[in-house]
Amino acid sequence: MRISHGLSPTGNPASALHAVTIGNFDGLHRGHQAMLARLKEASAKRGLPSCVLTFEPHPREFFSPAQAPARLSSLREKSELIRTAGIDRLHVCRFNKRFASLSPAEFIERVLVGTLGTRWLLVGDDFRFGAKRAGDFSLLKEAGRQHGFEVESLPTVNIENKRASSTAVRGALAAGDMQHARELLGRPYSISGHVMHGDKLGRQIGFPTANIQLQHNRPPLSGIFAVEVHGLNGAPLQGVASLGTRPTVKENGRPTLEVFIFDFNDDLYGRRLRVDFLKKLRDEEKYPDLELLIAQINRDVDNARSYFASR
């Protein structure tokens, strides 16, 4: 998959034509997957390469960072999921003041026509674009007639009579409902990152952990989880993960993802791992001393092993 950035100069048409879909695709849930499937179908029928247009950062992070929703996936995680779906090109537009000020007509001419050479376009049924969200589906249809591209909208995808959305996935994760999150995503929720050096406390208390680098300071879930870890020795390995601020050992700590992998003791520093969150065991708690924390970790390990044994 080719990954591209930026915009072509005004009046400079794209050298290649594409079938395109547009969206934030945060988490790439089953609604997004339906859009990619339709994109691939249409691109194959027309003999065009498929292209996903997305934005970085999320527009809501640009306009109101404090109120923006928690990210479900980093740009790299999103790129990997889109590549796995078989898309030919991912184009990432930097969402900044200049980009946000593009009028709907400028967005169509600079981005869709000039940069991507759009010949077929798929959007969601609630898609809005351009400065002040002034552009809509009817404007895209009119522009398509003018510039020579087809436009199609995809209706909402429902899972058990509920809309598949990034908001619904965040709600399920915040509630610790990993099964519902899995139904919305079509896979377990996961976080990927490199193993970093931590304070080595886990090793000192008998539970050596892999400290996974987080890309954002507000993960969409927290607590203690039964997990599977991918990226080591082929098959996934089982373990327990703590995702939170570690209140027993840190005051006002930043969110940290630590994973204790069962029956594993190799050097992991620098390795990139994917952690699948399968079951929430409990919320994070603050204990008065390390002795009580260690006793609870032992119970967490036992509960996780019981979960895996009963699957």
Protein backbone atom coordinates (compact mmCIF):
# COMPACT_ATOMS: atom_id res chain seq x y z
CA MET A 1 0.00 0.00 0.00
CA ARG A 2 1.27 3.43 -0.95
CA ILE A 3 1.04 6.13 1.73
CA SER A 4 1.02 9.76 0.54
CA HIS A 5 0.66 13.20 2.10
CA GLY A 6 0.00 16.81 1.13
CA LEU A 7 -1.95 18.56 -1.60
CA SER A 8 -1.18 19.21 -5.24
CA PRO A 9 -0.88 22.88 -6.26
CA THR A 10 -4.06 24.53 -7.50
CA GLY A 11 -4.70 23.66 -11.10
CA ASN A 12 -2.22 20.78 -11.15
CA PRO A 13 -4.31 17.65 -11.84
CA ALA A 14 -3.40 14.31 -10.34
CA SER A 15 -1.37 11.97 -12.50
CA ALA A 16 -3.37 8.89 -11.44
CA LEU A 17 -7.10 8.28 -11.16
CA HIS A 18 -8.64 6.59 -8.11
CA ALA A 19 -11.76 5.23 -6.51
CA VAL A 20 -11.85 7.05 -3.16
CA THR A 21 -13.53 6.94 0.22
CA ILE A 22 -13.16 9.55 2.96
CA GLY A 23 -13.25 9.34 6.75
CA ASN A 24 -11.39 9.40 10.04
CA PHE A 25 -11.61 5.58 10.29
CA ASP A 26 -10.73 5.65 13.98
CA GLY A 27 -10.61 2.03 15.15
CA LEU A 28 -11.71 0.72 11.74
CA HIS A 29 -14.93 -0.85 13.08
CA ARG A 30 -17.34 -2.93 11.01
CA GLY A 31 -19.03 0.14 9.55
CA HIS A 32 -15.65 1.27 8.23
CA GLN A 33 -14.92 -2.25 7.03
CA ALA A 34 -18.15 -2.19 5.00
CA MET A 35 -16.99 1.05 3.34
CA LEU A 36 -13.62 -0.47 2.44
CA ALA A 37 -15.29 -3.59 1.03
CA ARG A 38 -17.57 -1.45 -1.16
CA LEU A 39 -14.58 0.67 -2.23
CA LYS A 40 -12.64 -2.41 -3.31
CA GLU A 41 -15.65 -3.76 -5.19
CA ALA A 42 -16.17 -0.47 -7.07
CA SER A 43 -12.46 0.03 -7.80
CA ALA A 44 -12.13 -3.50 -9.22
CA LYS A 45 -15.21 -3.03 -11.41
CA ARG A 46 -13.84 0.25 -12.84
CA GLY A 47 -10.21 -0.81 -13.09
CA LEU A 48 -9.11 1.93 -10.69
CA PRO A 49 -6.75 1.74 -7.71
CA SER A 50 -8.52 2.12 -4.36
CA CYS A 51 -7.67 5.06 -2.11
CA VAL A 52 -8.61 5.99 1.46
CA LEU A 53 -8.46 9.67 2.38
CA THR A 54 -8.06 10.34 6.10
CA PHE A 55 -6.94 13.15 8.40
CA GLU A 56 -4.28 13.65 11.05
CA PRO A 57 -4.97 14.79 13.68
CA HIS A 58 -8.66 13.99 14.07
CA PRO A 59 -10.56 17.25 13.26
CA ARG A 60 -12.08 17.31 16.74
CA GLU A 61 -8.58 17.16 18.23
CA PHE A 62 -7.70 20.24 16.18
CA PHE A 63 -10.78 22.31 17.03
CA SER A 64 -11.19 21.38 20.72
CA PRO A 65 -8.32 19.21 22.07
CA ALA A 66 -9.66 19.09 25.63
CA GLN A 67 -13.09 17.83 24.51
CA ALA A 68 -11.92 15.50 21.73
CA PRO A 69 -12.79 11.81 22.18
CA ALA A 70 -10.13 9.29 23.15
CA ARG A 71 -8.34 7.78 20.16
CA LEU A 72 -9.13 4.17 19.35
CA SER A 73 -6.09 3.80 17.09
CA SER A 74 -2.90 5.65 16.28
CA LEU A 75 -2.19 6.64 12.69
CA ARG A 76 0.21 3.71 12.37
CA GLU A 77 -2.36 1.24 13.73
CA LYS A 78 -5.00 2.65 11.38
CA SER A 79 -2.59 2.40 8.44
CA GLU A 80 -1.83 -1.24 9.26
CA LEU A 81 -5.54 -2.11 9.39
CA ILE A 82 -6.22 -0.36 6.08
CA ARG A 83 -3.26 -2.13 4.48
CA THR A 84 -4.56 -5.47 5.76
CA ALA A 85 -7.92 -4.69 4.12
CA GLY A 86 -6.16 -4.64 0.73
CA ILE A 87 -6.38 -0.94 -0.09
CA ASP A 88 -3.92 0.37 -2.70
CA ARG A 89 -3.30 3.89 -1.38
CA LEU A 90 -3.74 5.79 1.88
CA HIS A 91 -3.60 9.57 1.60
CA VAL A 92 -3.19 11.48 4.86
CA CYS A 93 -4.17 15.15 4.93
CA ARG A 94 -2.64 17.21 7.73
CA PHE A 95 -5.63 18.77 9.46
CA ASN A 96 -4.41 22.25 10.36
CA LYS A 97 -5.72 25.80 10.16
CA ARG A 98 -5.02 26.06 6.46
CA PHE A 99 -6.75 22.78 5.65
CA ALA A 100 -9.72 23.58 7.91
CA SER A 101 -10.26 26.86 6.05
CA LEU A 102 -10.73 25.19 2.64
CA SER A 103 -14.18 25.91 1.26
CA PRO A 104 -16.18 22.93 -0.03
CA ALA A 105 -15.32 23.94 -3.61
CA GLU A 106 -11.61 24.19 -2.74
CA PHE A 107 -11.72 20.81 -1.01
CA ILE A 108 -13.20 19.23 -4.11
CA GLU A 109 -10.78 20.91 -6.53
CA ARG A 110 -7.57 20.70 -4.45
CA VAL A 111 -8.06 17.36 -2.72
CA LEU A 112 -10.49 15.17 -4.63
CA VAL A 113 -9.65 16.27 -8.18
CA GLY A 114 -6.18 17.82 -8.02
CA THR A 115 -4.52 15.45 -5.53
CA LEU A 116 -6.39 12.15 -5.82
CA GLY A 117 -7.82 12.20 -9.33
CA THR A 118 -11.15 10.95 -8.02
CA ARG A 119 -13.33 9.10 -10.51
CA TRP A 120 -15.58 7.31 -8.01
CA LEU A 121 -16.31 8.50 -4.47
CA LEU A 122 -17.91 6.79 -1.48
CA VAL A 123 -18.96 8.71 1.64
CA GLY A 124 -21.03 7.97 4.73
CA ASP A 125 -24.66 9.02 4.84
CA ASP A 126 -23.85 11.87 7.27
CA PHE A 127 -20.67 13.14 5.59
CA ARG A 128 -19.94 16.87 5.75
CA PHE A 129 -16.83 18.66 4.51
CA GLY A 130 -15.17 22.01 3.96
CA ALA A 131 -14.98 25.09 6.18
CA LYS A 132 -17.83 25.19 8.73
CA ARG A 133 -18.93 21.76 7.42
CA ALA A 134 -20.78 23.57 4.65
CA GLY A 135 -20.41 20.80 2.05
CA ASP A 136 -22.83 17.87 1.85
CA PHE A 137 -23.79 14.94 -0.36
CA SER A 138 -25.86 17.00 -2.82
CA LEU A 139 -22.92 19.36 -3.38
CA LEU A 140 -20.64 16.37 -4.05
CA LYS A 141 -23.13 15.01 -6.59
CA GLU A 142 -23.19 18.34 -8.42
CA ALA A 143 -19.38 18.56 -8.34
CA GLY A 144 -19.20 15.01 -9.67
CA ARG A 145 -21.21 16.00 -12.72
CA GLN A 146 -18.90 18.97 -13.26
CA HIS A 147 -15.59 17.16 -12.72
CA GLY A 148 -16.49 13.73 -14.02
CA PHE A 149 -16.67 11.49 -10.95
CA GLU A 150 -19.44 9.29 -9.57
CA VAL A 151 -20.64 9.71 -5.98
CA GLU A 152 -22.23 7.09 -3.75
CA SER A 153 -23.23 7.07 -0.09
CA LEU A 154 -23.21 4.06 2.22
CA PRO A 155 -26.05 3.69 4.72
CA THR A 156 -25.39 3.17 8.41
CA VAL A 157 -24.20 -0.31 9.35
CA ASN A 158 -26.11 -1.75 12.33
CA ILE A 159 -24.87 -4.48 14.67
CA GLU A 160 -27.75 -6.04 16.63
CA ASN A 161 -29.94 -3.02 15.77
CA LYS A 162 -27.32 -0.54 17.01
CA ARG A 163 -25.22 1.71 14.82
CA ALA A 164 -21.59 0.62 14.38
CA SER A 165 -19.61 3.73 15.23
CA SER A 166 -16.38 4.83 16.88
CA THR A 167 -18.51 6.40 19.62
CA ALA A 168 -20.18 3.05 20.32
CA VAL A 169 -16.79 1.30 20.50
CA ARG A 170 -15.50 3.92 22.96
CA GLY A 171 -18.60 3.43 25.09
CA ALA A 172 -18.14 -0.34 25.20
CA LEU A 173 -14.45 -0.02 26.11
CA ALA A 174 -15.11 2.56 28.82
CA ALA A 175 -17.72 0.23 30.32
CA GLY A 176 -15.33 -2.73 30.22
CA ASP A 177 -17.64 -4.61 27.82
CA MET A 178 -14.94 -6.24 25.74
CA GLN A 179 -17.37 -8.62 24.05
CA HIS A 180 -19.52 -5.79 22.70
CA ALA A 181 -16.41 -3.92 21.55
CA ARG A 182 -15.32 -7.09 19.76
CA GLU A 183 -18.72 -7.36 18.03
CA LEU A 184 -18.49 -3.76 16.82
CA LEU A 185 -14.89 -4.12 15.64
CA GLY A 186 -15.07 -7.65 14.27
CA ARG A 187 -11.90 -8.42 16.26
CA PRO A 188 -10.60 -7.84 19.79
CA TYR A 189 -9.66 -4.28 20.65
CA SER A 190 -5.89 -3.93 20.57
CA ILE A 191 -3.05 -1.49 21.20
CA SER A 192 0.30 -1.77 19.42
CA GLY A 193 3.60 -0.21 20.40
CA HIS A 194 7.27 -0.68 21.10
CA VAL A 195 8.52 -2.09 24.40
CA MET A 196 10.22 0.70 26.35
CA HIS A 197 12.35 0.78 29.49
CA GLY A 198 10.28 1.45 32.62
CA ASP A 199 11.14 1.71 36.31
CA LYS A 200 11.66 -2.09 36.59
CA LEU A 201 9.25 -2.33 39.56
CA GLY A 202 7.48 -5.35 38.07
CA ARG A 203 10.72 -7.31 37.93
CA GLN A 204 11.53 -6.36 41.53
CA ILE A 205 8.21 -7.72 42.83
CA GLY A 206 8.29 -10.93 40.79
CA PHE A 207 6.18 -9.90 37.77
CA PRO A 208 8.47 -8.66 34.98
CA THR A 209 6.35 -6.63 32.57
CA ALA A 210 6.67 -5.29 29.04
CA ASN A 211 6.11 -1.53 29.12
CA ILE A 212 4.31 -0.71 25.86
CA GLN A 213 4.71 2.81 24.50
CA LEU A 214 1.35 4.59 24.17
CA GLN A 215 0.83 7.05 21.34
CA HIS A 216 -1.81 9.08 23.21
CA ASN A 217 -2.25 10.12 26.83
CA ARG A 218 -5.97 9.27 26.93
CA PRO A 219 -6.53 5.62 26.06
CA PRO A 220 -10.20 4.64 25.66
CA LEU A 221 -10.10 1.98 28.42
CA SER A 222 -8.43 1.39 31.75
CA GLY A 223 -8.09 -1.39 34.31
CA ILE A 224 -6.67 -4.89 34.53
CA PHE A 225 -7.26 -7.27 31.61
CA ALA A 226 -6.67 -10.80 30.36
CA VAL A 227 -4.77 -10.29 27.10
CA GLU A 228 -3.04 -12.03 24.23
CA VAL A 229 0.24 -10.63 22.94
CA HIS A 230 1.19 -10.87 19.26
CA GLY A 231 4.61 -10.36 17.71
CA LEU A 232 6.61 -13.00 19.62
CA ASN A 233 7.47 -16.49 18.43
CA GLY A 234 4.57 -16.63 15.97
CA ALA A 235 1.66 -17.80 18.14
CA PRO A 236 -0.04 -15.31 20.49
CA LEU A 237 1.02 -15.51 24.13
CA GLN A 238 -1.32 -15.12 27.10
CA GLY A 239 -0.93 -12.70 29.96
CA VAL A 240 -2.31 -9.94 32.16
CA ALA A 241 -2.18 -6.24 31.28
CA SER A 242 -2.51 -3.17 33.46
CA LEU A 243 -3.57 0.00 31.67
CA GLY A 244 -3.75 3.05 33.91
CA THR A 245 -1.85 5.52 36.05
CA ARG A 246 -0.53 3.01 38.67
CA PRO A 247 -1.82 4.98 41.69
CA THR A 248 -0.16 2.68 44.24
CA VAL A 249 3.35 3.60 43.03
CA LYS A 250 2.83 6.97 41.27
CA GLU A 251 1.16 10.25 42.17
CA ASN A 252 -0.51 11.88 39.16
CA GLY A 253 1.09 9.34 36.83
CA ARG A 254 0.58 9.21 33.08
CA PRO A 255 -1.34 6.31 31.55
CA THR A 256 0.93 3.28 31.16
CA LEU A 257 0.38 -0.10 29.52
CA GLU A 258 2.28 -2.91 31.26
CA VAL A 259 1.94 -6.56 30.24
CA PHE A 260 2.98 -9.61 32.25
CA ILE A 261 3.32 -12.50 29.78
CA PHE A 262 2.85 -15.94 31.29
CA ASP A 263 5.86 -18.27 31.24
CA PHE A 264 8.03 -15.88 29.23
CA ASN A 265 11.35 -14.33 30.20
CA ASP A 266 13.13 -13.14 27.01
CA ASP A 267 14.44 -9.63 26.38
CA LEU A 268 11.70 -7.58 24.71
CA TYR A 269 13.14 -4.06 24.60
CA GLY A 270 12.59 -2.39 21.24
CA ARG A 271 10.19 -5.08 19.99
CA ARG A 272 6.87 -3.94 18.56
CA LEU A 273 3.97 -5.89 20.08
CA ARG A 274 0.22 -5.95 19.66
CA VAL A 275 -1.85 -6.46 22.80
CA ASP A 276 -5.39 -7.84 22.32
CA PHE A 277 -7.71 -7.02 25.25
CA LEU A 278 -10.00 -10.02 25.78
CA LYS A 279 -11.62 -9.66 29.21
CA LYS A 280 -11.65 -6.96 31.87
CA LEU A 281 -10.79 -8.44 35.25
CA ARG A 282 -11.24 -5.35 37.42
CA ASP A 283 -10.76 -1.60 37.70
CA GLU A 284 -7.45 -0.11 38.73
CA GLU A 285 -7.13 0.47 42.49
CA LYS A 286 -4.78 2.20 44.91
CA TYR A 287 -3.35 -0.05 47.63
CA PRO A 288 -1.78 1.15 50.89
CA ASP A 289 1.43 -0.83 50.34
CA LEU A 290 3.26 -3.06 47.86
CA GLU A 291 2.47 -6.23 49.81
CA LEU A 292 -1.25 -5.83 49.17
CA LEU A 293 -0.58 -4.90 45.54
CA ILE A 294 1.48 -8.07 45.03
CA ALA A 295 -1.29 -10.20 46.58
CA GLN A 296 -3.81 -8.64 44.16
CA ILE A 297 -1.54 -9.21 41.17
CA ASN A 298 -1.33 -12.88 42.12
CA ARG A 299 -5.14 -13.02 42.15
CA ASP A 300 -5.25 -11.26 38.76
CA VAL A 301 -2.88 -13.83 37.29
CA ASP A 302 -4.96 -16.68 38.69
CA ASN A 303 -8.18 -15.15 37.34
CA ALA A 304 -6.66 -14.62 33.91
CA ARG A 305 -5.35 -18.18 33.77
CA SER A 306 -8.82 -19.43 34.75
CA TYR A 307 -10.37 -17.33 31.98
CA PHE A 308 -8.03 -18.78 29.36
CA ALA A 309 -8.59 -22.32 30.66
CA SER A 310 -12.37 -21.94 30.38
CA ARG A 311 -12.44 -20.49 26.84
